[in-house]
N, C-alpha and C. Protein backbone atom coordinates (compact mmCIF):
# COMPACT_ATOMS: atom_id res chain seq x y z
N UNK A 1 2.34 -19.78 -25.28
CA UNK A 1 2.26 -21.01 -24.53
C UNK A 1 1.53 -22.05 -25.37
N UNK A 2 2.00 -23.24 -25.33
CA UNK A 2 1.43 -24.30 -26.15
C UNK A 2 0.09 -24.75 -25.60
N UNK A 3 -0.77 -25.20 -26.50
CA UNK A 3 -2.09 -25.70 -26.10
C UNK A 3 -2.00 -27.21 -25.96
N UNK A 4 -1.86 -27.64 -24.76
CA UNK A 4 -1.74 -29.08 -24.53
C UNK A 4 -3.11 -29.74 -24.55
N UNK A 5 -3.09 -31.04 -24.66
CA UNK A 5 -4.34 -31.79 -24.65
C UNK A 5 -5.05 -31.64 -23.31
N UNK A 6 -4.26 -31.59 -22.26
CA UNK A 6 -4.85 -31.47 -20.93
C UNK A 6 -5.61 -30.15 -20.78
N UNK A 7 -4.98 -29.04 -21.21
CA UNK A 7 -5.64 -27.74 -21.06
C UNK A 7 -6.88 -27.66 -21.94
N UNK A 8 -6.83 -28.26 -23.14
CA UNK A 8 -8.01 -28.28 -24.00
C UNK A 8 -9.14 -29.06 -23.34
N UNK A 9 -8.80 -30.19 -22.75
CA UNK A 9 -9.81 -31.03 -22.08
C UNK A 9 -10.43 -30.28 -20.90
N UNK A 10 -9.59 -29.63 -20.11
CA UNK A 10 -10.09 -28.88 -18.95
C UNK A 10 -11.02 -27.76 -19.40
N UNK A 11 -10.64 -27.04 -20.46
CA UNK A 11 -11.47 -25.96 -20.97
C UNK A 11 -12.82 -26.50 -21.43
N UNK A 12 -12.79 -27.64 -22.12
CA UNK A 12 -14.02 -28.27 -22.60
C UNK A 12 -14.93 -28.66 -21.44
N UNK A 13 -14.34 -29.25 -20.39
CA UNK A 13 -15.13 -29.69 -19.26
C UNK A 13 -15.69 -28.52 -18.45
N UNK A 14 -14.94 -27.43 -18.38
CA UNK A 14 -15.46 -26.23 -17.71
C UNK A 14 -16.67 -25.69 -18.45
N UNK A 15 -16.62 -25.72 -19.79
CA UNK A 15 -17.75 -25.27 -20.59
C UNK A 15 -18.96 -26.16 -20.35
N UNK A 16 -18.74 -27.47 -20.26
CA UNK A 16 -19.84 -28.40 -19.98
C UNK A 16 -20.46 -28.11 -18.61
N UNK A 17 -19.60 -27.83 -17.65
CA UNK A 17 -20.07 -27.55 -16.29
C UNK A 17 -20.91 -26.27 -16.27
N UNK A 18 -20.47 -25.26 -17.05
CA UNK A 18 -21.23 -24.01 -17.13
C UNK A 18 -22.62 -24.27 -17.71
N UNK A 19 -22.67 -25.09 -18.76
CA UNK A 19 -23.97 -25.41 -19.37
C UNK A 19 -24.88 -26.11 -18.37
N UNK A 20 -24.30 -27.03 -17.59
CA UNK A 20 -25.08 -27.80 -16.63
C UNK A 20 -25.62 -26.92 -15.49
N UNK A 21 -24.79 -25.99 -15.01
CA UNK A 21 -25.16 -25.17 -13.85
C UNK A 21 -25.92 -23.89 -14.22
N UNK A 22 -26.01 -23.59 -15.50
CA UNK A 22 -26.64 -22.35 -15.92
C UNK A 22 -28.10 -22.23 -15.48
N UNK A 23 -28.93 -23.26 -15.62
CA UNK A 23 -30.34 -23.10 -15.18
C UNK A 23 -30.46 -22.85 -13.67
N UNK A 24 -29.65 -23.53 -12.88
CA UNK A 24 -29.71 -23.34 -11.42
C UNK A 24 -29.29 -21.92 -11.06
N UNK A 25 -28.24 -21.44 -11.70
CA UNK A 25 -27.74 -20.11 -11.40
C UNK A 25 -28.76 -19.05 -11.81
N UNK A 26 -29.39 -19.24 -12.97
CA UNK A 26 -30.40 -18.30 -13.43
C UNK A 26 -31.59 -18.26 -12.48
N UNK A 27 -32.01 -19.42 -12.00
CA UNK A 27 -33.13 -19.47 -11.05
C UNK A 27 -32.77 -18.76 -9.75
N UNK A 28 -31.56 -18.95 -9.30
CA UNK A 28 -31.10 -18.32 -8.07
C UNK A 28 -31.07 -16.79 -8.22
N UNK A 29 -30.60 -16.31 -9.37
CA UNK A 29 -30.57 -14.87 -9.61
C UNK A 29 -31.98 -14.28 -9.68
N UNK A 30 -32.89 -14.98 -10.36
CA UNK A 30 -34.27 -14.50 -10.45
C UNK A 30 -34.92 -14.43 -9.07
N UNK A 31 -34.64 -15.42 -8.24
CA UNK A 31 -35.20 -15.44 -6.89
C UNK A 31 -34.67 -14.27 -6.07
N UNK A 32 -33.39 -13.96 -6.21
CA UNK A 32 -32.79 -12.85 -5.47
C UNK A 32 -33.37 -11.52 -5.93
N UNK A 33 -33.59 -11.39 -7.24
CA UNK A 33 -34.15 -10.14 -7.75
C UNK A 33 -35.63 -10.00 -7.41
N UNK A 34 -36.35 -11.11 -7.36
CA UNK A 34 -37.77 -11.06 -7.04
C UNK A 34 -38.00 -10.60 -5.60
N UNK A 35 -37.16 -11.05 -4.68
CA UNK A 35 -37.32 -10.64 -3.28
C UNK A 35 -36.85 -9.23 -3.07
N UNK A 36 -36.03 -8.73 -3.98
CA UNK A 36 -35.50 -7.36 -3.93
C UNK A 36 -34.73 -7.11 -2.64
N UNK A 37 -34.27 -8.15 -2.00
CA UNK A 37 -33.45 -8.00 -0.81
C UNK A 37 -34.21 -7.71 0.46
N UNK A 38 -35.54 -7.49 0.38
CA UNK A 38 -36.31 -7.10 1.56
C UNK A 38 -36.56 -8.28 2.49
N UNK A 39 -36.95 -9.39 1.95
CA UNK A 39 -37.28 -10.56 2.77
C UNK A 39 -36.03 -11.10 3.44
N UNK A 40 -34.95 -11.17 2.70
CA UNK A 40 -33.71 -11.72 3.25
C UNK A 40 -33.18 -10.85 4.39
N UNK A 41 -33.28 -9.53 4.23
CA UNK A 41 -32.78 -8.62 5.26
C UNK A 41 -33.63 -8.73 6.52
N UNK A 42 -34.95 -8.85 6.36
CA UNK A 42 -35.83 -8.98 7.52
C UNK A 42 -35.52 -10.24 8.31
N UNK A 43 -35.27 -11.34 7.61
CA UNK A 43 -34.94 -12.58 8.29
C UNK A 43 -33.64 -12.44 9.07
N UNK A 44 -32.68 -11.77 8.48
CA UNK A 44 -31.39 -11.58 9.14
C UNK A 44 -31.54 -10.66 10.35
N UNK A 45 -32.34 -9.60 10.18
CA UNK A 45 -32.51 -8.65 11.28
C UNK A 45 -33.19 -9.29 12.48
N UNK A 46 -34.14 -10.21 12.24
CA UNK A 46 -34.78 -10.90 13.35
C UNK A 46 -33.76 -11.70 14.15
N UNK A 47 -32.85 -12.34 13.46
CA UNK A 47 -31.80 -13.11 14.14
C UNK A 47 -30.85 -12.22 14.90
N UNK A 48 -30.56 -11.05 14.36
CA UNK A 48 -29.62 -10.13 15.02
C UNK A 48 -30.26 -9.53 16.27
N UNK A 49 -31.56 -9.24 16.24
CA UNK A 49 -32.23 -8.63 17.38
C UNK A 49 -32.23 -9.54 18.60
N UNK A 50 -32.18 -10.84 18.36
CA UNK A 50 -32.11 -11.77 19.49
C UNK A 50 -30.75 -11.69 20.18
N UNK A 51 -29.71 -11.38 19.41
CA UNK A 51 -28.35 -11.38 19.94
C UNK A 51 -27.95 -10.01 20.48
N UNK A 52 -28.22 -8.95 19.71
CA UNK A 52 -27.74 -7.63 20.07
C UNK A 52 -28.89 -6.63 20.07
N UNK A 53 -28.66 -5.50 20.75
CA UNK A 53 -29.65 -4.44 20.75
C UNK A 53 -29.31 -3.46 19.63
N UNK A 54 -30.32 -3.02 18.91
CA UNK A 54 -30.12 -2.09 17.81
C UNK A 54 -30.28 -0.67 18.32
N UNK A 55 -29.38 0.22 17.88
CA UNK A 55 -29.38 1.61 18.30
C UNK A 55 -29.67 2.46 17.06
N UNK A 56 -30.57 3.45 17.16
CA UNK A 56 -30.84 4.30 16.00
C UNK A 56 -29.62 5.12 15.60
N UNK A 57 -29.57 5.49 14.33
CA UNK A 57 -28.42 6.22 13.80
C UNK A 57 -28.28 7.61 14.44
N UNK A 58 -29.38 8.21 14.86
CA UNK A 58 -29.32 9.55 15.45
C UNK A 58 -28.52 9.54 16.76
N UNK A 59 -28.59 8.44 17.49
CA UNK A 59 -27.82 8.36 18.73
C UNK A 59 -26.34 8.12 18.47
N UNK A 60 -26.04 7.49 17.34
CA UNK A 60 -24.64 7.19 17.02
C UNK A 60 -23.88 8.41 16.53
N UNK A 61 -24.57 9.40 15.98
CA UNK A 61 -23.88 10.56 15.44
C UNK A 61 -23.26 11.40 16.55
N UNK A 62 -23.89 11.48 17.69
CA UNK A 62 -23.35 12.26 18.79
C UNK A 62 -22.90 11.31 19.90
N UNK A 63 -21.60 11.15 20.02
CA UNK A 63 -21.05 10.25 21.04
C UNK A 63 -20.58 11.06 22.24
N UNK A 64 -20.83 10.52 23.40
CA UNK A 64 -20.36 11.15 24.62
C UNK A 64 -19.48 10.16 25.37
N UNK A 65 -18.28 10.60 25.69
CA UNK A 65 -17.36 9.76 26.43
C UNK A 65 -17.01 10.50 27.72
N UNK A 66 -17.43 9.95 28.85
CA UNK A 66 -17.20 10.55 30.16
C UNK A 66 -17.70 12.00 30.22
N UNK A 67 -18.86 12.25 29.65
CA UNK A 67 -19.44 13.58 29.70
C UNK A 67 -18.94 14.53 28.63
N UNK A 68 -17.95 14.13 27.85
CA UNK A 68 -17.42 14.98 26.80
C UNK A 68 -17.93 14.50 25.45
N UNK A 69 -18.20 15.43 24.54
CA UNK A 69 -18.68 15.08 23.21
C UNK A 69 -17.48 14.68 22.36
N UNK A 70 -17.56 13.51 21.73
CA UNK A 70 -16.48 13.01 20.90
C UNK A 70 -16.66 13.53 19.49
N UNK A 71 -15.60 14.09 18.90
CA UNK A 71 -15.70 14.62 17.54
C UNK A 71 -15.45 13.57 16.47
N UNK A 72 -15.18 12.33 16.85
CA UNK A 72 -15.01 11.24 15.90
C UNK A 72 -13.60 11.05 15.41
N UNK A 73 -12.66 11.88 15.85
CA UNK A 73 -11.28 11.76 15.40
C UNK A 73 -10.53 10.80 16.31
N UNK A 74 -9.54 10.15 15.73
CA UNK A 74 -8.73 9.22 16.51
C UNK A 74 -7.78 9.98 17.41
N UNK A 75 -7.47 9.39 18.54
CA UNK A 75 -6.51 9.99 19.46
C UNK A 75 -5.12 9.55 19.03
N UNK A 76 -4.45 10.39 18.25
CA UNK A 76 -3.14 10.05 17.73
C UNK A 76 -2.06 10.57 18.66
N UNK A 77 -0.88 10.03 18.49
CA UNK A 77 0.26 10.45 19.29
C UNK A 77 0.75 11.79 18.74
N UNK A 78 0.37 12.89 19.41
CA UNK A 78 0.71 14.22 18.93
C UNK A 78 2.11 14.65 19.31
N UNK A 79 2.81 13.86 20.11
CA UNK A 79 4.14 14.25 20.56
C UNK A 79 5.23 13.68 19.67
N UNK A 80 4.86 13.20 18.51
CA UNK A 80 5.81 12.59 17.58
C UNK A 80 6.15 13.60 16.49
N UNK A 81 7.43 13.72 16.15
CA UNK A 81 7.87 14.62 15.08
C UNK A 81 7.43 14.01 13.75
N UNK A 82 6.75 14.80 12.92
CA UNK A 82 6.23 14.28 11.67
C UNK A 82 7.33 14.03 10.66
N UNK A 83 8.43 14.74 10.76
CA UNK A 83 9.50 14.60 9.78
C UNK A 83 10.38 13.39 10.07
N UNK A 84 10.76 13.21 11.33
CA UNK A 84 11.67 12.12 11.69
C UNK A 84 10.95 10.91 12.29
N UNK A 85 9.67 11.06 12.64
CA UNK A 85 8.87 10.02 13.27
C UNK A 85 9.37 9.64 14.66
N UNK A 86 10.18 10.45 15.27
CA UNK A 86 10.68 10.17 16.61
C UNK A 86 9.73 10.75 17.65
N UNK A 87 9.56 10.04 18.78
CA UNK A 87 8.76 10.59 19.87
C UNK A 87 9.68 11.34 20.82
N UNK A 88 9.12 11.77 21.95
CA UNK A 88 9.93 12.58 22.89
C UNK A 88 11.10 11.81 23.50
N UNK A 89 11.03 10.47 23.48
CA UNK A 89 12.12 9.66 24.01
C UNK A 89 13.12 9.23 22.94
N UNK A 90 12.93 9.67 21.71
CA UNK A 90 13.83 9.30 20.63
C UNK A 90 13.55 7.92 20.07
N UNK A 91 12.33 7.40 20.27
CA UNK A 91 11.96 6.08 19.78
C UNK A 91 11.14 6.19 18.50
N UNK A 92 11.39 5.26 17.58
CA UNK A 92 10.59 5.18 16.36
C UNK A 92 9.29 4.44 16.66
N UNK A 93 8.26 4.62 15.83
CA UNK A 93 7.00 3.91 16.08
C UNK A 93 7.16 2.40 15.92
N UNK A 94 6.26 1.65 16.52
CA UNK A 94 6.37 0.20 16.51
C UNK A 94 6.15 -0.38 15.12
N UNK A 95 5.38 0.31 14.26
CA UNK A 95 5.11 -0.22 12.93
C UNK A 95 6.28 -0.04 11.98
N UNK A 96 7.26 0.78 12.34
CA UNK A 96 8.38 1.05 11.44
C UNK A 96 9.43 -0.06 11.56
N UNK A 97 9.87 -0.57 10.41
CA UNK A 97 10.88 -1.62 10.46
C UNK A 97 12.28 -1.02 10.58
N UNK A 98 13.26 -1.87 10.84
CA UNK A 98 14.62 -1.41 11.12
C UNK A 98 15.25 -0.71 9.92
N UNK A 99 14.93 -1.16 8.73
CA UNK A 99 15.51 -0.57 7.53
C UNK A 99 15.05 0.88 7.38
N UNK A 100 13.76 1.12 7.61
CA UNK A 100 13.23 2.48 7.52
C UNK A 100 13.85 3.37 8.59
N UNK A 101 13.98 2.84 9.81
CA UNK A 101 14.56 3.62 10.90
C UNK A 101 16.01 3.98 10.60
N UNK A 102 16.75 3.04 10.05
CA UNK A 102 18.16 3.28 9.71
C UNK A 102 18.28 4.34 8.63
N UNK A 103 17.37 4.30 7.67
CA UNK A 103 17.38 5.27 6.58
C UNK A 103 17.12 6.68 7.11
N UNK A 104 16.12 6.81 7.99
CA UNK A 104 15.82 8.11 8.58
C UNK A 104 16.95 8.60 9.47
N UNK A 105 17.59 7.67 10.17
CA UNK A 105 18.71 8.04 11.04
C UNK A 105 19.87 8.56 10.20
N UNK A 106 20.11 7.92 9.06
CA UNK A 106 21.18 8.37 8.16
C UNK A 106 20.90 9.76 7.63
N UNK A 107 19.66 10.03 7.27
CA UNK A 107 19.30 11.36 6.79
C UNK A 107 19.48 12.41 7.89
N UNK A 108 19.10 12.04 9.11
CA UNK A 108 19.21 12.97 10.24
C UNK A 108 20.66 13.31 10.53
N UNK A 109 21.54 12.31 10.51
CA UNK A 109 22.95 12.54 10.80
C UNK A 109 23.65 13.27 9.65
N UNK A 110 23.23 13.05 8.44
CA UNK A 110 23.83 13.73 7.29
C UNK A 110 23.52 15.22 7.34
N UNK A 111 22.33 15.57 7.84
CA UNK A 111 21.96 16.97 7.96
C UNK A 111 22.82 17.69 8.99
N UNK A 112 23.13 17.01 10.07
CA UNK A 112 23.91 17.64 11.14
C UNK A 112 25.36 17.86 10.72
N UNK A 113 25.80 17.19 9.71
CA UNK A 113 27.16 17.36 9.25
C UNK A 113 28.04 16.21 9.68
N UNK A 114 27.64 15.47 10.70
CA UNK A 114 28.39 14.31 11.14
C UNK A 114 28.16 13.15 10.19
N UNK A 115 29.15 12.29 10.09
CA UNK A 115 29.03 11.17 9.18
C UNK A 115 28.41 9.99 9.92
N UNK A 116 27.46 9.34 9.31
CA UNK A 116 26.82 8.17 9.90
C UNK A 116 27.76 6.99 9.80
N UNK A 117 28.08 6.38 10.94
CA UNK A 117 29.02 5.27 10.97
C UNK A 117 28.33 3.98 10.59
N UNK A 118 28.92 3.29 9.65
CA UNK A 118 28.41 1.98 9.28
C UNK A 118 29.22 0.94 10.06
N UNK A 119 28.58 0.21 10.92
CA UNK A 119 29.27 -0.72 11.81
C UNK A 119 29.87 -1.89 11.07
N UNK A 120 29.29 -2.28 9.95
CA UNK A 120 29.77 -3.45 9.24
C UNK A 120 30.85 -3.11 8.21
N UNK A 121 31.09 -1.84 7.97
CA UNK A 121 32.04 -1.44 6.94
C UNK A 121 33.48 -1.54 7.40
N UNK A 122 34.42 -1.26 6.49
CA UNK A 122 35.84 -1.28 6.81
C UNK A 122 36.21 0.00 7.56
N UNK A 123 37.36 -0.01 8.21
CA UNK A 123 37.79 1.11 9.04
C UNK A 123 38.20 2.31 8.22
N UNK A 124 38.65 2.12 6.98
CA UNK A 124 39.07 3.27 6.19
C UNK A 124 37.95 3.72 5.37
């Protein structure tokens, strides 16, 4: 790619901007390292405590839902065939697009021995 005058000028001006902003950036980094993140976190936590209640981690590890202990696993649809993705009513999942569904349907019909009819194709 050719080096145009415009790109050279832009590169030069970016370098000038870096030189100008370097002391401010260095001061900001030193300030962040000097606080070691403790002061900033305390200030944030004070603001959060006014809005929400904090719960200790020990209470979060053991969840109880309606008197039953939750093992942390998602409640997935267990009635869906893992190979064809069909549920008990013969429906594909909502996240699957039509192209994927058609592809799986073609594979399913090819296995049965019947030929999958293409509606848009010719009759012969």
